[in-house]
């Protein structure tokens, strides 16, 4: 137990333990510096789980930035057979644009996000600092930093375009009843209330309003999977994916070259981890640089700063798994003693495994 996360306490402890030969750690700069100062004789290794986690975070940012491609792929998938009935439109109306409100106008949140993104990017191009942009636009620093780091407007609009509605579980029923000829909003409201809906009738009225332009309700597009789900598909061993998920991932890769490249880079990285061939890391980072993948470029820059430890970690079976288990136990003890324990008592409880 050390009193802080700075490099000095770690270096001092390691200096008193010259028998240490291997230090397996995450990629925190303070721990790297402390280990380098206090145990120059030891070999530092980046823990494989943390490397995989860092890769997953970069993949998630990339998927979010290119989720528009995923929506396009799934929106263009039409049912194998059209719905029955003579009153179905021969050409179904296009799926509603999630950036628009029910009246067809661009959502205020979307408009404001686009304006702020354009303003922040223009000020950055003019050489303004983040602090200067905060003062000019009267925005919080964290907001400006988020807009400055975004690789595209789609990345920022993702949450606005993918909000969950309390009506989502009942839209299929509304579509079916509308196509059956039911135009009574009050009756539709009562029907889905019996199914568990707790919203107001105004919610139904706003949702149904666009249908009045058509004889039948539009056929719902095939729903696009959430980014987290796509990330899980990409990060999972292809041999362990169910056939349905594997097919969906294949469609996504065919419709988006960037996500196809990401999936290939992930598999190459997984092969390095499995075969303990860390010497292939420089070639892997060079291949990543050739693709337009800013999040993976940022990951590569971080790996280069800690390259020796990363290569060593990818070339060895050593890991900090047991230590992570202890961290979980320590966090539980800290929560139990919140507000009632100082560092000395906390250290004693941890060492006595109480």
Protein backbone atom coordinates (compact mmCIF):
# COMPACT_ATOMS: atom_id res chain seq x y z
CA UNK A 1 0.00 0.00 0.00
CA UNK A 2 1.45 3.32 -1.13
CA UNK A 3 0.09 6.75 -0.10
CA UNK A 4 -0.46 8.02 -3.64
CA UNK A 5 -0.26 7.44 -7.39
CA UNK A 6 2.84 9.58 -7.92
CA UNK A 7 6.10 8.00 -9.15
CA UNK A 8 8.14 8.87 -6.02
CA UNK A 9 6.49 6.49 -3.49
CA UNK A 10 6.68 3.62 -5.98
CA UNK A 11 10.34 4.36 -6.79
CA UNK A 12 11.20 4.46 -3.08
CA UNK A 13 9.47 1.12 -2.42
CA UNK A 14 11.17 -0.55 -5.41
CA UNK A 15 14.55 0.79 -4.32
CA UNK A 16 14.15 -1.19 -1.12
CA UNK A 17 13.36 -4.38 -3.05
CA UNK A 18 16.23 -4.98 -5.47
CA UNK A 19 15.03 -8.55 -5.99
CA UNK A 20 12.26 -7.34 -8.30
CA UNK A 21 12.92 -8.58 -11.83
CA UNK A 22 9.61 -8.06 -13.69
CA UNK A 23 7.10 -5.24 -13.32
CA UNK A 24 3.76 -5.84 -15.05
CA UNK A 25 1.67 -2.68 -15.11
CA UNK A 26 -0.90 -0.66 -17.00
CA UNK A 27 0.31 2.13 -19.26
CA UNK A 28 0.12 4.92 -16.69
CA UNK A 29 3.05 7.31 -17.07
CA UNK A 30 3.58 7.72 -13.31
CA UNK A 31 4.05 3.98 -12.79
CA UNK A 32 6.40 3.75 -15.75
CA UNK A 33 8.55 6.55 -14.37
CA UNK A 34 8.51 5.16 -10.83
CA UNK A 35 9.49 1.70 -12.03
CA UNK A 36 12.24 3.09 -14.25
CA UNK A 37 13.70 5.14 -11.37
CA UNK A 38 13.31 2.66 -8.54
CA UNK A 39 14.07 -0.61 -10.38
CA UNK A 40 16.26 0.03 -13.41
CA UNK A 41 17.25 -3.65 -13.35
CA UNK A 42 13.64 -4.84 -13.84
CA UNK A 43 11.88 -5.50 -17.13
CA UNK A 44 8.66 -3.51 -17.50
CA UNK A 45 5.72 -5.18 -19.24
CA UNK A 46 2.43 -3.65 -20.29
CA UNK A 47 -0.43 -5.84 -19.07
CA UNK A 48 -2.28 -7.55 -21.93
CA UNK A 49 -5.76 -6.92 -20.52
CA UNK A 50 -5.11 -3.18 -20.36
CA UNK A 51 -3.75 -3.20 -23.93
CA UNK A 52 -6.88 -4.97 -25.14
CA UNK A 53 -9.03 -2.49 -23.22
CA UNK A 54 -7.19 0.45 -24.82
CA UNK A 55 -7.73 -1.10 -28.25
CA UNK A 56 -11.43 -1.61 -27.52
CA UNK A 57 -11.84 2.06 -26.55
CA UNK A 58 -10.24 3.14 -29.83
CA UNK A 59 -12.50 0.75 -31.76
CA UNK A 60 -15.59 2.13 -30.01
CA UNK A 61 -14.68 5.71 -30.97
CA UNK A 62 -14.20 4.61 -34.57
CA UNK A 63 -17.53 2.76 -34.68
CA UNK A 64 -19.35 5.78 -33.26
CA UNK A 65 -17.70 8.06 -35.85
CA UNK A 66 -18.84 5.75 -38.68
CA UNK A 67 -22.22 4.70 -37.31
CA UNK A 68 -23.89 6.60 -40.16
CA UNK A 69 -22.46 3.95 -42.50
CA UNK A 70 -23.98 1.23 -40.34
CA UNK A 71 -27.40 2.90 -40.37
CA UNK A 72 -27.21 3.20 -44.14
CA UNK A 73 -26.36 -0.49 -44.52
CA UNK A 74 -29.31 -1.58 -42.37
CA UNK A 75 -31.75 1.02 -43.73
CA UNK A 76 -31.13 -0.23 -47.27
CA UNK A 77 -32.06 -3.78 -46.30
CA UNK A 78 -35.62 -4.43 -47.50
CA UNK A 79 -37.87 -7.29 -46.37
CA UNK A 80 -37.74 -10.40 -48.54
CA UNK A 81 -41.53 -10.24 -49.10
CA UNK A 82 -43.72 -7.11 -48.86
CA UNK A 83 -46.48 -6.90 -46.23
CA UNK A 84 -49.84 -8.31 -47.38
CA UNK A 85 -52.66 -6.03 -48.47
CA UNK A 86 -53.69 -4.14 -51.59
CA UNK A 87 -53.34 -0.73 -49.96
CA UNK A 88 -49.58 -0.99 -49.32
CA UNK A 89 -47.58 1.59 -51.25
CA UNK A 90 -45.60 0.09 -54.12
CA UNK A 91 -42.63 2.19 -53.04
CA UNK A 92 -42.53 2.55 -49.27
CA UNK A 93 -41.68 6.04 -48.00
CA UNK A 94 -38.13 6.56 -46.81
CA UNK A 95 -37.33 5.88 -43.17
CA UNK A 96 -37.63 8.91 -40.94
CA UNK A 97 -34.42 10.86 -40.51
CA UNK A 98 -33.56 10.79 -36.83
CA UNK A 99 -32.06 14.30 -37.10
CA UNK A 100 -35.56 15.66 -37.87
CA UNK A 101 -38.54 16.18 -35.61
CA UNK A 102 -42.01 14.84 -36.37
CA UNK A 103 -42.78 17.94 -38.45
CA UNK A 104 -39.78 17.36 -40.70
CA UNK A 105 -37.72 20.20 -39.25
CA UNK A 106 -34.16 19.74 -38.08
CA UNK A 107 -34.03 19.22 -34.34
CA UNK A 108 -32.81 22.20 -32.35
CA UNK A 109 -30.21 20.03 -30.64
CA UNK A 110 -28.86 18.93 -34.02
CA UNK A 111 -28.74 22.51 -35.34
CA UNK A 112 -26.98 23.78 -32.21
CA UNK A 113 -24.47 20.92 -32.30
CA UNK A 114 -23.62 21.61 -35.95
CA UNK A 115 -23.18 25.33 -35.29
CA UNK A 116 -20.94 24.77 -32.28
CA UNK A 117 -18.86 22.16 -34.10
CA UNK A 118 -18.31 24.51 -37.05
CA UNK A 119 -17.43 27.41 -34.74
CA UNK A 120 -14.97 25.40 -32.64
CA UNK A 121 -13.26 23.88 -35.68
CA UNK A 122 -12.97 27.31 -37.36
CA UNK A 123 -11.41 28.88 -34.27
CA UNK A 124 -8.99 25.97 -33.98
CA UNK A 125 -8.00 26.45 -37.62
CA UNK A 126 -7.43 30.16 -36.89
CA UNK A 127 -4.96 29.21 -34.15
CA UNK A 128 -7.10 29.84 -31.06
CA UNK A 129 -6.38 27.92 -27.88
CA UNK A 130 -9.02 25.92 -26.04
CA UNK A 131 -9.16 28.59 -23.32
CA UNK A 132 -9.63 31.28 -25.96
CA UNK A 133 -12.46 29.32 -27.59
CA UNK A 134 -14.13 28.90 -24.19
CA UNK A 135 -14.12 32.66 -23.69
CA UNK A 136 -15.22 33.45 -27.24
CA UNK A 137 -18.12 30.97 -27.37
CA UNK A 138 -18.91 31.06 -23.63
CA UNK A 139 -18.74 27.30 -23.38
CA UNK A 140 -17.38 25.01 -20.69
CA UNK A 141 -13.86 23.72 -21.31
CA UNK A 142 -14.99 20.08 -21.35
CA UNK A 143 -17.59 20.93 -24.02
CA UNK A 144 -15.02 22.71 -26.18
CA UNK A 145 -12.55 19.84 -25.75
CA UNK A 146 -15.22 17.34 -26.86
CA UNK A 147 -16.01 19.38 -29.97
CA UNK A 148 -12.32 19.89 -30.72
CA UNK A 149 -11.43 16.22 -30.43
CA UNK A 150 -14.38 14.94 -32.48
CA UNK A 151 -13.25 13.45 -35.79
CA UNK A 152 -16.60 14.22 -37.48
CA UNK A 153 -19.99 15.76 -36.84
CA UNK A 154 -21.54 12.25 -36.92
CA UNK A 155 -19.57 11.36 -33.81
CA UNK A 156 -21.17 14.27 -31.94
CA UNK A 157 -24.65 13.69 -33.31
CA UNK A 158 -24.70 10.01 -32.38
CA UNK A 159 -26.47 10.47 -29.04
CA UNK A 160 -28.97 12.92 -30.54
CA UNK A 161 -29.86 10.51 -33.33
CA UNK A 162 -30.04 7.34 -31.25
CA UNK A 163 -32.07 8.30 -28.20
CA UNK A 164 -34.32 5.62 -26.80
CA UNK A 165 -38.04 6.46 -26.67
CA UNK A 166 -40.58 4.95 -24.29
CA UNK A 167 -42.64 4.27 -27.41
CA UNK A 168 -40.01 2.08 -29.10
CA UNK A 169 -41.34 -1.29 -27.81
CA UNK A 170 -44.83 -0.50 -29.16
CA UNK A 171 -44.16 0.97 -32.63
CA UNK A 172 -44.55 -2.41 -34.37
CA UNK A 173 -48.04 -2.73 -32.86
CA UNK A 174 -48.96 0.81 -33.95
CA UNK A 175 -47.76 0.12 -37.51
CA UNK A 176 -49.75 -3.10 -37.68
CA UNK A 177 -52.97 -1.56 -36.34
CA UNK A 178 -52.65 1.45 -38.64
CA UNK A 179 -52.24 -0.82 -41.65
CA UNK A 180 -55.27 -2.80 -40.44
CA UNK A 181 -57.30 0.39 -40.82
CA UNK A 182 -57.46 1.65 -37.23
CA UNK A 183 -57.22 5.48 -37.28
CA UNK A 184 -58.59 6.17 -33.79
CA UNK A 185 -55.67 7.60 -31.77
CA UNK A 186 -57.53 7.13 -28.47
CA UNK A 187 -58.11 3.46 -29.22
CA UNK A 188 -54.47 2.95 -30.22
CA UNK A 189 -53.43 4.62 -26.97
CA UNK A 190 -55.66 2.32 -24.93
CA UNK A 191 -54.34 -0.75 -26.75
CA UNK A 192 -50.67 -0.06 -26.07
CA UNK A 193 -51.46 1.05 -22.51
CA UNK A 194 -52.77 -2.47 -22.00
CA UNK A 195 -49.39 -3.69 -23.28
CA UNK A 196 -47.51 -1.61 -20.71
CA UNK A 197 -47.10 1.85 -22.28
CA UNK A 198 -47.14 4.65 -19.68
CA UNK A 199 -46.85 7.72 -21.91
CA UNK A 200 -49.50 10.24 -22.89
CA UNK A 201 -51.81 10.19 -25.88
CA UNK A 202 -49.90 13.18 -27.26
CA UNK A 203 -46.88 10.92 -27.75
CA UNK A 204 -49.00 8.63 -29.95
CA UNK A 205 -50.49 11.56 -31.83
CA UNK A 206 -47.05 13.03 -32.65
CA UNK A 207 -45.73 9.66 -33.78
CA UNK A 208 -48.77 8.85 -35.97
CA UNK A 209 -49.03 12.30 -37.60
CA UNK A 210 -46.57 11.56 -40.48
CA UNK A 211 -48.53 8.39 -41.37
CA UNK A 212 -51.52 10.42 -42.52
CA UNK A 213 -49.67 11.29 -45.73
CA UNK A 214 -49.69 7.61 -46.72
CA UNK A 215 -52.33 4.94 -47.13
CA UNK A 216 -50.26 2.64 -44.95
CA UNK A 217 -47.74 3.18 -42.18
CA UNK A 218 -44.17 3.02 -43.45
CA UNK A 219 -42.41 -0.27 -43.11
CA UNK A 220 -39.97 0.00 -40.25
CA UNK A 221 -36.36 -0.16 -41.41
CA UNK A 222 -34.16 -2.91 -40.12
CA UNK A 223 -32.81 -1.50 -36.83
CA UNK A 224 -29.10 -0.78 -36.81
CA UNK A 225 -27.18 -2.34 -33.91
CA UNK A 226 -25.78 -0.05 -31.23
CA UNK A 227 -22.06 0.79 -31.40
CA UNK A 228 -21.26 -1.21 -28.25
CA UNK A 229 -22.75 -4.30 -29.85
CA UNK A 230 -20.72 -3.80 -33.04
CA UNK A 231 -17.59 -3.33 -30.95
CA UNK A 232 -18.29 -6.63 -29.20
CA UNK A 233 -18.64 -8.36 -32.57
CA UNK A 234 -15.34 -6.89 -33.77
CA UNK A 235 -13.51 -7.73 -30.54
CA UNK A 236 -14.82 -11.32 -30.36
CA UNK A 237 -13.00 -14.27 -31.87
CA UNK A 238 -14.80 -14.84 -35.22
CA UNK A 239 -15.09 -18.54 -34.45
CA UNK A 240 -17.12 -17.72 -31.32
CA UNK A 241 -19.64 -15.41 -33.02
CA UNK A 242 -23.17 -16.75 -33.62
CA UNK A 243 -24.02 -17.05 -37.31
CA UNK A 244 -26.48 -14.15 -37.18
CA UNK A 245 -23.94 -11.78 -35.61
CA UNK A 246 -21.20 -12.91 -37.98
CA UNK A 247 -23.47 -12.20 -40.96
CA UNK A 248 -24.37 -8.74 -39.64
CA UNK A 249 -20.70 -7.91 -39.10
CA UNK A 250 -19.93 -9.07 -42.63
CA UNK A 251 -22.58 -6.68 -43.97
CA UNK A 252 -21.14 -3.81 -41.95
CA UNK A 253 -17.60 -4.50 -43.14
CA UNK A 254 -18.80 -4.63 -46.74
CA UNK A 255 -20.59 -1.29 -46.38
CA UNK A 256 -17.89 0.64 -44.51
CA UNK A 257 -14.21 0.35 -45.56
CA UNK A 258 -13.03 2.03 -42.34
CA UNK A 259 -14.77 -0.50 -40.09
CA UNK A 260 -13.53 -3.30 -42.32
CA UNK A 261 -9.97 -2.05 -41.78
CA UNK A 262 -10.57 -1.76 -38.02
CA UNK A 263 -11.80 -5.36 -37.82
CA UNK A 264 -8.70 -6.57 -39.64
CA UNK A 265 -6.37 -4.57 -37.38
CA UNK A 266 -8.11 -5.99 -34.30
CA UNK A 267 -7.64 -9.55 -35.54
CA UNK A 268 -3.97 -8.91 -36.26
CA UNK A 269 -3.51 -7.49 -32.75
CA UNK A 270 -5.31 -10.48 -31.23
CA UNK A 271 -2.99 -12.81 -33.14
CA UNK A 272 0.03 -11.02 -31.66
CA UNK A 273 -1.38 -11.44 -28.15
CA UNK A 274 -2.24 -15.10 -28.69
CA UNK A 275 1.06 -16.08 -30.32
CA UNK A 276 3.19 -13.82 -28.07
CA UNK A 277 4.77 -12.16 -31.11
CA UNK A 278 5.23 -8.64 -29.78
CA UNK A 279 8.05 -8.02 -32.24
CA UNK A 280 5.34 -7.52 -34.89
CA UNK A 281 3.97 -4.44 -33.11
CA UNK A 282 5.94 -1.82 -35.14
CA UNK A 283 4.68 -3.34 -38.39
CA UNK A 284 1.12 -3.37 -37.01
CA UNK A 285 1.31 0.32 -36.07
CA UNK A 286 2.69 1.15 -39.51
CA UNK A 287 -0.28 -0.60 -41.17
CA UNK A 288 -2.68 1.33 -38.96
CA UNK A 289 -1.10 4.64 -40.03
CA UNK A 290 -1.97 3.90 -43.65
CA UNK A 291 -5.74 3.96 -42.91
CA UNK A 292 -7.91 6.95 -42.06
CA UNK A 293 -8.54 5.89 -38.46
CA UNK A 294 -7.78 8.81 -36.09
CA UNK A 295 -8.70 6.92 -32.90
CA UNK A 296 -6.32 4.08 -33.76
CA UNK A 297 -3.65 6.61 -34.74
CA UNK A 298 -3.95 8.11 -31.26
CA UNK A 299 -3.63 4.64 -29.74
CA UNK A 300 -0.54 3.98 -31.86
CA UNK A 301 1.08 7.21 -30.66
CA UNK A 302 0.53 6.15 -27.07
CA UNK A 303 1.95 2.69 -27.74
CA UNK A 304 5.08 4.23 -29.27
CA UNK A 305 5.74 6.23 -26.10
CA UNK A 306 5.71 2.97 -24.14
CA UNK A 307 6.85 0.70 -26.94
CA UNK A 308 9.44 -1.39 -25.09
CA UNK A 309 6.98 -2.31 -22.32
CA UNK A 310 4.20 -3.02 -24.83
CA UNK A 311 6.39 -5.31 -26.93
CA UNK A 312 7.55 -7.09 -23.78
CA UNK A 313 3.96 -7.51 -22.63
CA UNK A 314 2.89 -8.92 -26.00
CA UNK A 315 5.83 -11.34 -25.94
CA UNK A 316 5.29 -12.80 -22.47
CA UNK A 317 2.60 -14.64 -20.56
CA UNK A 318 3.07 -12.40 -17.50
CA UNK A 319 -0.02 -10.39 -16.51
CA UNK A 320 -1.35 -8.32 -13.61
CA UNK A 321 -4.51 -10.39 -13.31
CA UNK A 322 -3.92 -11.37 -9.68
CA UNK A 323 -3.21 -7.75 -8.79
CA UNK A 324 -6.46 -6.62 -10.44
CA UNK A 325 -8.29 -9.07 -8.20
CA UNK A 326 -6.66 -7.43 -5.18
CA UNK A 327 -7.67 -4.01 -6.50
CA UNK A 328 -11.29 -5.13 -6.54
CA UNK A 329 -11.01 -6.28 -2.92
CA UNK A 330 -9.36 -3.00 -1.89
CA UNK A 331 -12.14 -0.95 -3.49
CA UNK A 332 -14.73 -2.90 -1.50
CA UNK A 333 -12.85 -2.23 1.74
CA UNK A 334 -12.58 1.47 0.86
CA UNK A 335 -16.33 1.68 0.32
CA UNK A 336 -17.02 -0.07 3.62
CA UNK A 337 -14.83 2.47 5.46
CA UNK A 338 -15.89 5.58 3.57
CA UNK A 339 -15.80 8.60 5.90
CA UNK A 340 -14.52 6.57 8.87
CA UNK A 341 -10.98 5.50 7.98
CA UNK A 342 -7.66 7.24 7.41
CA UNK A 343 -4.85 5.81 5.32
CA UNK A 344 -3.17 3.93 8.19
CA UNK A 345 -6.39 2.13 9.18
CA UNK A 346 -7.19 1.37 5.55
CA UNK A 347 -3.72 -0.10 5.03
CA UNK A 348 -4.07 -2.24 8.17
CA UNK A 349 -7.48 -3.59 7.12
CA UNK A 350 -6.17 -4.43 3.64
CA UNK A 351 -3.08 -6.22 4.91
CA UNK A 352 -5.07 -8.18 7.48
CA UNK A 353 -7.65 -9.12 4.76
CA UNK A 354 -10.48 -8.10 7.07
